[in-house]
Amino acid sequence: MLTFSKRYLELEKAAHRGTGGICAENRHLGFVPAFMDTDTGKVFPSTFADGRPSPFHMLDGLPDDLVVARDRQGRPSQVVGTIISGFTLDNRFFTREQAAVQVSRAANVFAH
């Protein structure tokens, strides 16, 4: 079974650094970190375990039925492989790549 892990999140962040596809580079435009289940299309905001919005991607707030493995502290370490990370903006989900395009467009608008 394929899974989506904390480690994968770290690798994604490194791969998208400098593109606008990470929280620190798109938050100023209103993007909010989120996850989407590609099987159901359901979007989940990234939250702390207690439900408070998280300023970055973390697995802690995802529903238990998506969690495949937990670490020694009981925090989700792997979720089902149909989960992808991205962002919401104006009630719409954006993949990291789509968010990066929007950041690039905004930068071009401000540059002219």
Foldseek 3Di string as FASTA:
>chain_A
DDKCFPVNQVVVCVVCPPLQLFLVNQVVVPWFKWKAQQVVRDIGGADALVRHGDSGHDPNPDDPVQADDADPVRGGGIGHPSMAIFTDDPNDTDHSNRSSVVSVVVVVVVVD
